[in-house]
Protein backbone atom coordinates (compact mmCIF):
# COMPACT_ATOMS: atom_id res chain seq x y z
CA MET A 1 45.83 40.41 -27.82
CA ARG A 2 46.43 42.12 -24.51
CA ALA A 3 46.55 39.80 -21.51
CA ALA A 4 44.28 40.22 -18.54
CA PRO A 5 45.76 42.54 -15.91
CA PRO A 6 47.41 40.83 -12.95
CA GLU A 7 44.62 41.95 -10.60
CA ALA A 8 42.07 40.07 -12.69
CA ARG A 9 43.88 36.71 -12.82
CA PRO A 10 42.33 34.31 -10.33
CA ALA A 11 44.80 31.53 -11.16
CA GLY A 12 47.28 29.71 -8.97
CA ARG A 13 48.99 32.33 -6.87
CA ALA A 14 47.74 33.02 -3.39
CA ALA A 15 46.06 36.36 -2.95
CA PRO A 16 48.05 38.93 -0.97
CA ARG A 17 47.10 39.50 2.63
CA PRO A 18 44.53 42.31 2.63
CA PRO A 19 44.78 45.38 4.85
CA VAL A 20 42.89 45.22 8.13
CA PHE A 21 39.72 47.04 7.16
CA VAL A 22 39.10 44.85 4.09
CA LYS A 23 40.07 41.55 5.70
CA ARG A 24 37.86 38.78 4.31
CA SER A 25 35.83 41.60 2.67
CA ALA A 26 33.27 41.58 5.52
CA ALA A 27 33.56 45.28 6.36
CA PRO A 28 33.10 46.72 2.83
CA ARG A 29 30.36 44.20 2.02
CA THR A 30 28.45 45.12 5.18
CA ALA A 31 28.84 48.84 4.52
CA ALA A 32 27.76 48.45 0.88
CA ALA A 33 24.73 46.39 1.94
CA LEU A 34 23.73 49.09 4.43
CA LEU A 35 23.93 51.71 1.69
CA VAL A 36 21.68 49.60 -0.54
CA VAL A 37 19.15 49.27 2.29
CA LEU A 38 19.29 53.02 2.85
CA LEU A 39 18.62 53.69 -0.83
CA LEU A 40 15.72 51.23 -0.85
CA LEU A 41 14.18 53.10 2.08
CA VAL A 42 14.71 56.35 0.19
CA ILE A 43 12.88 54.86 -2.80
CA VAL A 44 9.87 54.19 -0.56
CA ARG A 45 9.73 57.92 0.23
CA LEU A 46 10.80 58.96 -3.32
CA PRO A 47 11.89 62.52 -2.45
CA TRP A 48 10.95 64.98 -5.15
CA ALA A 49 13.73 67.10 -6.59
CA GLY A 50 15.11 68.11 -9.95
CA ASP A 51 13.73 66.27 -12.97
CA LEU A 52 11.30 63.87 -11.29
CA GLY A 53 8.27 65.78 -12.58
CA MET A 54 9.50 65.63 -16.16
CA HIS A 55 10.09 61.87 -16.02
CA ALA A 56 6.69 61.32 -14.40
CA ALA A 57 5.06 63.40 -17.15
CA THR A 58 6.84 61.35 -19.81
CA VAL A 59 5.53 58.08 -18.36
CA GLU A 60 2.05 59.63 -18.10
CA ARG A 61 2.00 60.58 -21.81
CA LEU A 62 3.18 57.12 -22.86
CA ARG A 63 0.54 55.52 -20.65
CA HIS A 64 -2.13 57.30 -22.69
CA SER A 65 -0.52 56.87 -26.11
CA LEU A 66 2.46 54.65 -26.84
CA LEU A 67 2.69 55.59 -30.52
CA HIS A 68 1.84 59.32 -30.53
CA PRO A 69 2.43 60.72 -27.03
CA GLY A 70 3.13 64.30 -28.18
CA ASN A 71 5.18 66.71 -26.13
CA PRO A 72 5.36 65.53 -22.51
CA LEU A 73 5.13 69.00 -20.96
CA VAL A 74 3.03 71.28 -23.18
CA ASP A 75 -0.06 70.66 -25.29
CA THR A 76 1.48 70.31 -28.71
CA ASP A 77 2.59 67.49 -30.99
CA THR A 78 6.39 67.58 -31.10
CA PRO A 79 9.08 64.91 -30.64
CA SER A 80 11.00 64.81 -27.38
CA PRO A 81 14.34 63.28 -26.33
CA TYR A 82 12.71 62.19 -23.09
CA TYR A 83 10.96 59.36 -24.99
CA SER A 84 13.69 56.77 -24.58
CA PRO A 85 13.50 52.95 -24.72
CA TRP A 86 13.48 52.80 -20.91
CA MET A 87 10.66 55.32 -20.57
CA LEU A 88 8.74 53.49 -23.29
CA LEU A 89 8.98 50.30 -21.23
CA LEU A 90 7.83 52.15 -18.11
CA GLY A 91 4.94 53.61 -20.08
CA CYS A 92 3.91 50.10 -21.09
CA VAL A 93 4.05 48.99 -17.45
CA ALA A 94 1.89 51.93 -16.39
CA ARG A 95 -0.57 51.34 -19.22
CA TRP A 96 -1.02 47.60 -18.69
CA SER A 97 -0.90 47.56 -14.89
CA GLY A 98 -3.00 50.61 -14.13
CA TRP A 99 -0.52 51.61 -11.40
CA SER A 100 0.07 55.28 -10.68
CA VAL A 101 3.06 56.92 -12.29
CA PHE A 102 4.81 57.24 -8.93
CA VAL A 103 4.47 53.52 -8.24
CA VAL A 104 6.01 52.86 -11.65
CA LEU A 105 8.86 55.27 -10.90
CA ARG A 106 9.55 53.45 -7.64
CA LEU A 107 9.80 50.21 -9.58
CA ALA A 108 12.08 51.97 -12.06
CA ALA A 109 14.27 53.10 -9.17
CA CYS A 110 14.58 49.54 -7.86
CA ALA A 111 15.43 48.26 -11.33
CA GLY A 112 17.97 51.03 -11.94
CA LEU A 113 19.63 50.46 -8.56
CA ALA A 114 19.85 46.69 -9.18
CA LEU A 115 21.29 47.26 -12.66
CA LEU A 116 23.87 49.70 -11.31
CA ALA A 117 24.93 47.37 -8.49
CA THR A 118 25.29 44.35 -10.75
CA GLY A 119 27.00 46.41 -13.44
CA VAL A 120 29.60 47.72 -11.01
CA ARG A 121 30.21 44.19 -9.78
CA ARG A 122 30.67 42.77 -13.28
CA TYR A 123 32.99 45.55 -14.42
CA VAL A 124 35.12 45.53 -11.29
CA ARG A 125 35.47 41.75 -11.66
CA THR A 126 37.26 42.41 -14.98
CA LEU A 127 39.78 44.53 -13.07
CA SER A 128 40.29 42.54 -9.86
CA ALA A 129 39.50 39.06 -8.57
CA HIS A 130 39.69 40.13 -4.93
CA PRO A 131 36.43 39.27 -3.12
CA ALA A 132 36.28 42.74 -1.51
CA ALA A 133 36.71 44.64 -4.78
CA PRO A 134 33.07 45.08 -5.88
CA ALA A 135 31.78 46.24 -2.49
CA LEU A 136 34.72 48.56 -1.89
CA ALA A 137 34.34 49.95 -5.42
CA ALA A 138 30.65 50.67 -4.77
CA LEU A 139 31.54 52.58 -1.61
CA SER A 140 34.19 54.56 -3.46
CA LEU A 141 31.82 55.44 -6.30
CA VAL A 142 29.20 56.98 -4.00
CA LEU A 143 31.39 58.49 -1.26
CA LEU A 144 34.69 59.55 -2.86
CA TRP A 145 33.56 62.98 -4.05
CA GLY A 146 34.13 66.08 -1.93
CA THR A 147 32.96 68.01 1.10
CA ALA A 148 30.47 70.14 -0.86
CA LEU A 149 27.36 68.40 -2.17
CA ILE A 150 26.71 67.89 -5.87
CA ASN A 151 23.25 66.78 -7.02
CA TRP A 152 23.03 66.07 -10.75
CA SER A 153 21.62 63.28 -12.86
CA GLY A 154 24.36 60.92 -14.00
CA PHE A 155 26.45 61.73 -10.91
CA VAL A 156 26.33 58.92 -8.36
CA SER A 157 27.45 60.61 -5.18
CA LEU A 158 25.23 59.20 -2.43
CA ASN A 159 23.14 62.35 -2.05
CA SER A 160 22.71 62.74 -5.81
CA LEU A 161 21.89 59.06 -6.22
CA ALA A 162 19.20 59.29 -3.52
CA LEU A 163 17.49 62.14 -5.39
CA THR A 164 17.90 60.72 -8.91
CA VAL A 165 17.61 56.97 -8.34
CA SER A 166 14.37 56.79 -10.36
CA TYR A 167 15.83 58.78 -13.28
CA PRO A 168 16.84 57.20 -16.61
CA SER A 169 20.42 58.32 -15.90
CA VAL A 170 20.82 55.68 -13.17
CA PHE A 171 19.43 53.00 -15.46
CA ALA A 172 21.75 54.16 -18.27
CA LEU A 173 24.82 54.20 -16.02
CA GLY A 174 24.03 50.68 -14.88
CA LEU A 175 23.88 49.62 -18.52
CA ALA A 176 27.19 51.42 -19.11
CA PHE A 177 28.97 49.36 -16.46
CA HIS A 178 27.54 46.17 -17.98
CA HIS A 179 28.63 47.37 -21.43
CA TRP A 180 32.22 47.98 -20.27
CA ALA A 181 32.36 44.57 -18.61
CA TRP A 182 30.95 42.82 -21.68
CA LEU A 183 33.27 44.73 -24.01
CA THR A 184 36.33 43.94 -21.87
CA ARG A 185 35.58 40.24 -21.99
CA ALA A 186 34.91 40.33 -25.74
CA LEU A 187 38.32 41.91 -26.30
CA ARG A 188 40.15 39.40 -24.09
CA ALA A 189 38.69 36.24 -25.61
CA PRO A 190 37.33 35.45 -29.07
CA ALA A 191 33.72 36.60 -29.41
CA GLY A 192 31.28 35.95 -32.22
CA TRP A 193 29.50 38.45 -34.41
CA GLU A 194 26.36 38.21 -32.26
CA VAL A 195 28.30 39.44 -29.22
CA TRP A 196 29.66 42.46 -31.05
CA LEU A 197 26.31 43.32 -32.59
CA GLY A 198 24.73 43.05 -29.14
CA LEU A 199 27.36 45.45 -27.80
CA GLY A 200 26.51 47.95 -30.54
CA ALA A 201 22.79 47.77 -29.85
CA LEU A 202 23.39 48.19 -26.11
CA TRP A 203 25.59 51.23 -26.73
CA ALA A 204 22.76 52.83 -28.73
CA VAL A 205 20.20 52.09 -26.01
CA ILE A 206 22.42 53.81 -23.43
CA LEU A 207 22.71 56.90 -25.62
CA LEU A 208 18.96 57.00 -26.21
CA CYS A 209 18.09 56.54 -22.53
CA HIS A 210 20.34 59.34 -21.26
CA GLN A 211 22.47 61.18 -23.75
CA PHE A 212 25.03 62.55 -21.29
CA THR A 213 25.58 59.17 -19.65
CA GLY A 214 25.86 57.78 -23.17
CA ILE A 215 28.85 60.07 -23.73
CA VAL A 216 30.45 58.70 -20.55
CA ALA A 217 29.74 55.15 -21.75
CA THR A 218 31.30 55.98 -25.13
CA LEU A 219 34.48 57.36 -23.56
CA GLY A 220 34.79 54.28 -21.34
CA ALA A 221 34.32 51.97 -24.31
CA LEU A 222 36.87 53.89 -26.37
CA ALA A 223 39.41 53.66 -23.55
CA THR A 224 38.78 49.93 -23.23
CA VAL A 225 39.38 49.33 -26.93
CA ILE A 226 42.56 51.47 -27.03
CA ALA A 227 43.96 49.71 -23.96
CA ALA A 228 43.25 46.24 -25.37
CA ARG A 229 45.14 46.84 -28.64
CA PRO A 230 42.86 44.45 -30.54
CA PRO A 231 44.35 42.54 -33.46
CA ARG A 232 43.32 43.34 -37.03
CA ALA A 233 40.95 40.37 -37.11
CA GLN A 234 38.74 42.02 -34.49
CA TRP A 235 38.39 45.40 -36.16
CA PRO A 236 35.64 44.36 -38.61
CA ARG A 237 33.56 43.19 -35.64
CA ILE A 238 34.25 46.42 -33.75
CA ALA A 239 33.27 48.44 -36.84
CA ALA A 240 30.08 46.40 -37.26
CA SER A 241 29.25 46.98 -33.59
CA ALA A 242 29.60 50.75 -33.97
CA GLY A 243 27.71 50.70 -37.26
CA LEU A 244 24.74 48.86 -35.79
CA GLY A 245 24.67 51.27 -32.86
CA LEU A 246 24.56 54.25 -35.21
CA LEU A 247 21.81 52.57 -37.23
CA VAL A 248 19.68 52.05 -34.11
CA LEU A 249 20.16 55.71 -33.18
CA TRP A 250 19.12 56.78 -36.68
CA LEU A 251 16.03 54.55 -36.73
CA TRP A 252 14.69 55.47 -33.28
CA PRO A 253 11.22 56.85 -34.10
CA TYR A 254 10.48 59.12 -31.14
CA TYR A 255 13.05 61.84 -31.85
CA ASP A 256 16.01 62.61 -34.09
CA PHE A 257 19.03 61.74 -31.96
CA PHE A 258 21.55 63.41 -34.25
CA ALA A 259 19.58 66.67 -34.25
CA LEU A 260 20.48 67.06 -30.56
CA PHE A 261 24.03 68.05 -31.52
CA SER A 262 22.71 71.37 -32.86
CA ALA A 263 19.79 71.80 -30.46
CA GLY A 264 21.51 72.14 -27.11
CA ARG A 265 22.82 75.72 -27.22
CA ASP A 266 20.55 76.84 -24.37
CA LEU A 267 22.09 74.29 -21.98
CA GLU A 268 25.40 76.07 -21.47
CA GLY A 269 24.18 78.54 -18.86
CA VAL A 270 22.53 75.83 -16.78
CA HIS A 271 25.63 73.65 -16.79
CA ARG A 272 28.08 76.38 -15.83
CA ALA A 273 27.28 75.39 -12.24
CA LEU A 274 29.16 72.11 -12.79
CA TYR A 275 32.40 74.07 -12.79
CA THR A 276 31.70 76.14 -9.66
CA ASP A 277 33.18 75.12 -6.29
CA PHE A 278 35.09 72.50 -8.24
CA ALA A 279 37.60 71.73 -5.51
CA GLY A 280 34.99 71.47 -2.77
CA ARG A 281 32.80 69.08 -4.74
CA TYR A 282 35.45 66.69 -6.03
CA TRP A 283 38.67 66.97 -4.03
CA LEU A 284 38.39 63.57 -2.31
CA ALA A 285 38.70 61.97 -5.75
CA LEU A 286 42.25 63.34 -5.98
CA LEU A 287 43.26 60.24 -4.03
CA GLY A 288 42.08 58.24 -7.02
CA VAL A 289 43.94 60.53 -9.43
CA ALA A 290 47.14 59.75 -7.52
CA ALA A 291 46.36 56.05 -7.90
CA LEU A 292 45.84 56.56 -11.64
CA VAL A 293 49.28 58.12 -11.93
CA VAL A 294 50.77 55.02 -10.31
CA ARG A 295 48.84 52.75 -12.67
CA TRP A 296 49.82 54.82 -15.72
CA ARG A 297 53.51 54.67 -14.80
CA ARG A 298 53.12 50.90 -14.50
CA ASP A 299 51.23 50.54 -17.79
CA ARG A 300 50.93 53.38 -20.33
CA ARG A 301 47.82 51.71 -21.78
CA ASP A 302 46.03 51.16 -18.48
CA PRO A 303 42.29 51.31 -19.31
CA LEU A 304 41.35 53.36 -16.25
CA ALA A 305 44.12 55.89 -16.90
CA LEU A 306 43.00 56.25 -20.52
CA PHE A 307 39.37 56.54 -19.44
CA PHE A 308 40.29 59.31 -17.01
CA ALA A 309 42.34 61.14 -19.62
CA LEU A 310 39.49 61.14 -22.13
CA GLY A 311 36.97 62.35 -19.55
CA ALA A 312 39.27 65.07 -18.24
CA LEU A 313 40.01 66.21 -21.80
CA VAL A 314 36.30 66.61 -22.64
CA CYS A 315 35.53 68.46 -19.40
CA THR A 316 38.52 70.77 -19.79
CA ALA A 317 37.62 71.52 -23.39
CA GLY A 318 34.08 72.35 -22.27
CA PHE A 319 35.34 74.85 -19.70
CA VAL A 320 37.84 76.50 -22.03
CA SER A 321 35.40 76.77 -24.95
CA GLY A 322 32.36 77.78 -22.90
CA HIS A 323 30.49 74.57 -23.76
CA TYR A 324 29.68 73.97 -20.11
CA SER A 325 27.27 71.13 -20.90
CA TRP A 326 30.37 69.05 -21.70
CA GLY A 327 30.90 69.02 -17.96
CA ARG A 328 28.29 66.27 -17.85
CA ALA A 329 31.14 64.00 -18.97
CA LEU A 330 32.78 64.52 -15.57
CA PRO A 331 31.85 60.99 -14.39
CA ALA A 332 34.18 59.73 -17.13
CA ALA A 333 37.03 61.22 -15.08
CA LEU A 334 35.63 60.45 -11.64
CA VAL A 335 34.67 56.80 -12.12
CA PRO A 336 38.14 55.57 -13.16
CA ALA A 337 39.74 57.58 -10.33
CA GLN A 338 37.31 56.17 -7.77
CA LEU A 339 38.00 52.63 -8.96
CA ALA A 340 41.77 53.03 -9.29
CA VAL A 341 42.36 53.68 -5.60
CA VAL A 342 40.40 50.54 -4.71
CA LEU A 343 42.61 48.49 -7.02
CA GLU A 344 45.74 49.90 -5.38
CA VAL A 345 44.43 48.92 -1.96
CA LEU A 346 43.73 45.37 -3.13
CA GLY A 347 46.63 44.97 -5.56
CA ARG A 348 49.87 42.99 -5.32
CA GLY A 349 52.30 45.70 -4.33
CA ARG A 350 54.23 45.90 -1.09
CA ARG A 351 52.06 45.45 1.98
CA ALA A 352 53.20 48.73 3.58
CA VAL A 353 52.24 50.67 0.44
CA ARG A 354 48.86 48.96 0.18
CA THR A 355 48.21 49.63 3.86
CA GLY A 356 48.94 53.31 3.28
CA TRP A 357 46.45 53.38 0.39
CA ALA A 358 43.93 51.54 2.56
CA TRP A 359 44.02 53.99 5.45
CA ALA A 360 43.97 56.97 3.10
CA LEU A 361 40.90 55.51 1.37
CA ALA A 362 39.24 54.72 4.70
CA GLY A 363 39.69 58.31 5.86
CA ALA A 364 38.39 59.72 2.57
CA LEU A 365 35.35 57.42 2.62
CA ALA A 366 34.57 58.40 6.22
CA LEU A 367 34.75 62.09 5.34
CA GLY A 368 32.58 61.53 2.27
CA ALA A 369 30.03 59.61 4.32
CA TRP A 370 29.86 62.40 6.90
CA THR A 371 29.39 65.02 4.19
CA GLN A 372 26.49 63.09 2.65
CA ALA A 373 24.91 61.84 5.88
CA GLY A 374 21.97 64.18 5.33
CA VAL A 375 20.59 61.44 3.05
CA LEU A 376 19.26 59.86 6.25
CA GLY A 377 16.75 62.70 6.35
CA TYR A 378 14.99 61.31 3.28
CA VAL A 379 14.09 58.28 5.40
CA VAL A 380 13.49 59.67 8.90
CA GLY A 381 12.73 63.32 8.10
CA ARG A 382 14.86 66.37 8.82
CA ALA A 383 13.46 66.85 12.32
CA ALA A 384 14.94 63.52 13.42
CA LEU A 385 18.46 64.43 12.29
CA PRO A 386 21.04 65.83 14.72
CA GLY A 387 21.93 69.42 13.95
CA ALA A 388 25.37 68.44 12.65
CA LEU A 389 23.75 66.21 10.01
CA ALA A 390 20.78 68.45 9.22
CA VAL A 391 23.10 71.01 7.62
CA HIS A 392 23.88 68.42 4.93
CA TYR A 393 20.20 67.78 4.18
CA THR A 394 18.71 68.94 0.87
CA GLU A 395 15.02 69.71 1.32
CA PRO A 396 12.85 67.90 -1.26
CA TRP A 397 10.15 69.77 -3.13
CA ALA A 398 6.48 69.62 -2.22
CA GLY A 399 4.23 67.98 -4.81
CA TYR A 400 1.04 69.28 -6.42
CA HIS A 401 -1.26 66.40 -5.57
CA TRP A 402 -3.61 68.96 -4.00
CA ILE A 403 -4.69 70.13 -7.48
CA THR A 404 -5.67 66.66 -8.73
CA PRO A 405 -9.29 66.71 -7.47
CA TYR A 406 -9.89 69.55 -9.92
CA VAL A 407 -7.31 69.45 -12.72
CA ARG A 408 -7.86 66.58 -15.16
CA TYR A 409 -5.53 64.84 -17.57
CA GLY A 410 -4.78 67.07 -20.56
CA ASP A 411 -5.91 70.33 -18.92
CA VAL A 412 -3.59 73.30 -19.51
CA VAL A 413 -2.34 75.18 -16.46
CA MET A 414 -0.80 78.65 -16.48
CA ALA A 415 2.15 78.54 -14.06
CA ARG A 416 5.71 79.75 -13.79
CA ASP A 417 9.06 78.65 -12.33
CA VAL A 418 8.99 75.53 -10.12
CA PRO A 419 5.23 74.80 -10.49
CA SER A 420 5.71 74.36 -14.24
CA GLN A 421 8.29 71.65 -13.46
CA LEU A 422 5.97 69.68 -11.18
CA ILE A 423 2.43 70.05 -12.50
CA PRO A 424 2.88 67.93 -15.69
CA ALA A 425 3.66 64.93 -13.46
CA TYR A 426 -0.06 64.74 -12.69
CA GLY A 427 -1.17 64.63 -16.32
CA ALA A 428 -1.78 68.33 -16.93
CA TYR A 429 0.11 70.51 -19.38
CA THR A 430 1.68 73.89 -18.71
CA VAL A 431 1.98 76.81 -21.09
CA VAL A 432 5.76 76.95 -20.84
CA PRO A 433 7.86 73.79 -20.33
CA GLY A 434 9.67 73.64 -17.01
CA TYR A 435 12.61 71.87 -18.65
CA PRO A 436 14.57 72.39 -21.88
CA GLU A 437 12.56 71.21 -24.89
CA PHE A 438 14.90 70.99 -27.86
CA PHE A 439 12.23 70.41 -30.50
CA LEU A 440 9.66 73.00 -29.33
CA PRO A 441 9.84 75.80 -31.95
CA ASP A 442 7.72 78.34 -30.04
CA GLU A 443 9.36 77.93 -26.62
CA ALA A 444 10.57 81.54 -26.51
CA ARG A 445 7.12 82.83 -27.45
CA ARG A 446 5.55 80.74 -24.70
CA GLU A 447 8.01 82.07 -22.13
CA HIS A 448 7.22 85.63 -23.18
CA ALA A 449 3.48 84.92 -22.94
CA VAL A 450 3.80 83.62 -19.37
CA GLN A 451 5.92 86.58 -18.31
CA ARG A 452 3.43 88.97 -19.87
CA TYR A 453 0.46 87.24 -18.28
CA PHE A 454 1.84 87.60 -14.75
CA ALA A 455 3.15 91.16 -15.25
CA ARG A 456 1.11 93.73 -13.30
CA SER A 457 1.08 96.16 -16.20
CA THR A 458 -0.60 93.73 -18.62
CA PRO A 459 -4.23 94.73 -19.38
CA ARG A 460 -6.95 92.25 -18.45
CA GLY A 461 -7.96 91.84 -22.08
CA ALA A 462 -4.43 90.83 -23.06
CA ARG A 463 -4.38 88.27 -20.28
CA ARG A 464 -7.64 86.78 -21.55
CA ASP A 465 -6.19 86.58 -25.05
CA ILE A 466 -3.17 84.63 -23.72
CA LEU A 467 -5.44 82.20 -21.87
CA ARG A 468 -7.51 81.62 -25.01
CA MET A 469 -4.44 81.20 -27.23
CA TYR A 470 -3.12 78.33 -25.12
CA ARG A 471 -6.53 76.92 -24.07
CA VAL A 472 -5.74 77.49 -20.39
CA ARG A 473 -8.30 76.17 -17.90
CA TRP A 474 -6.40 76.75 -14.65
CA VAL A 475 -3.91 79.21 -13.17
CA VAL A 476 -1.54 78.40 -10.29
CA ASP A 477 0.36 81.11 -8.46
CA GLY A 478 1.44 81.96 -4.95
CA ARG A 479 3.41 85.18 -5.17
CA GLU A 480 0.40 87.46 -4.71
CA PRO A 481 -3.40 87.17 -4.97
CA LEU A 482 -4.63 87.37 -8.55
CA ARG A 483 -7.55 89.79 -8.47
CA ASP A 484 -9.16 89.08 -11.79
CA PRO A 485 -12.92 88.57 -12.19
CA GLY A 486 -12.09 86.00 -14.84
CA LEU A 487 -10.45 83.75 -12.26
CA ARG A 488 -12.13 81.86 -9.43
CA PRO A 489 -10.00 80.44 -6.56
CA VAL A 490 -10.85 76.79 -5.93
CA ALA A 491 -8.01 75.32 -3.81
CA HIS A 492 -5.08 76.37 -1.65
CA GLY A 493 -1.77 74.51 -1.37
CA PRO A 494 1.53 74.74 0.52
CA GLY A 495 3.46 77.99 0.57
CA GLY A 496 0.45 80.15 -0.21
CA GLN A 497 -0.14 78.55 -3.62
CA VAL A 498 -3.63 79.05 -5.05
CA LEU A 499 -5.37 77.15 -7.84
CA TYR A 500 -7.69 79.39 -9.89
CA ALA A 501 -10.27 78.18 -12.38
CA VAL A 502 -10.58 80.22 -15.55
CA VAL A 503 -14.16 81.47 -15.77
CA PRO A 504 -15.53 81.00 -19.31
């Protein structure tokens, strides 16, 4: 069995004198605490961007029916991969408490943030016993990215985390860190069958909650097992753990997990953006890659080096083959790099070398913090930011609460583009889903119907047929006034948006 790495051994020997900026761990702990406070203040505001509407719609459907929620976005009865164990729990909370979906999502954000923070702490403790390690690792994970912003679920740069903190991806990544910590300890010391079966069930829950983060969790677990070189006596337990995880995935009743492998062809175009401006988005993490090289030369089975290699291999294969959605595994390369540099700063090498790592990391963290300082705008508003920080601010979307006095739960709304991503959050359906729906067989037909409805050349009779086909009661649009005697304007919203009632 592989011994614990020297960084993780708390025994006997005195810890090396830390570099100045991590002395007694006060500075990184204070900075990490301030970041947590900032994120909690962001959660109060809950800026709307990206997939928030889809997750709100999912909770709303489960609030009304836990067993048969139907499609979360359009009025049809199909399975959906958005119905995960975490969203099911949130649906139960919404159903039994009566709280609004946005209150529930704020609670989900707090829970996800707490799980991520404790997961990072537990996993880093398996790598280093230094008291500053968890806080410094947290800072590295959110700031050691690049000087161009990246906002994507499953990516925990500070700006991305602020916009996605209520998403299942944050919850799943927190579980992943706990899973790696638990797995590391199970491989270092004898663990019973119940521990290994628990690890398998947890692995399945991560995959069900957020499939892309589940891939990252899988690569991290695989690297951990390879690095540990477990004896033959442990392999039956490892096999049982994997087997139980696969069984849970197969038995999950809300959607067919394994069908996703053949249902994601339409995702490649969307994910091509992950490979654009690659250097600008990630170059600060090269400091961690250098640290990984040092660790790999020291130990050819270093778990972080293996983790990085697996993640880099998947991402490279995705780029070469055109499967750009594989780029969602990029955190599997970034996380070990971001942690490796922290371990070099706090390790047992020569003091001059560690001091060099420390000042390099301090400079990179400062540059990363400056790049992502626009996050402050989610708390104080853009107008309160100095001009130098305002350029880093990503404007949140405006909601559609202004339609709720008229549009009721289950009503179908004809909308296109961004409105179709937001409106289902309030309980209504749209004709076309605003997000990929892998199990919706008529998605292409719905998209064509929406395009035809809003085309100027479409006869009025054809428009009425489309409204009847999809039982549309409302139309939302803001590009130009819809002059149709079959529509009656009832409300006006931001950006010239108009809500029209369909006249029977």
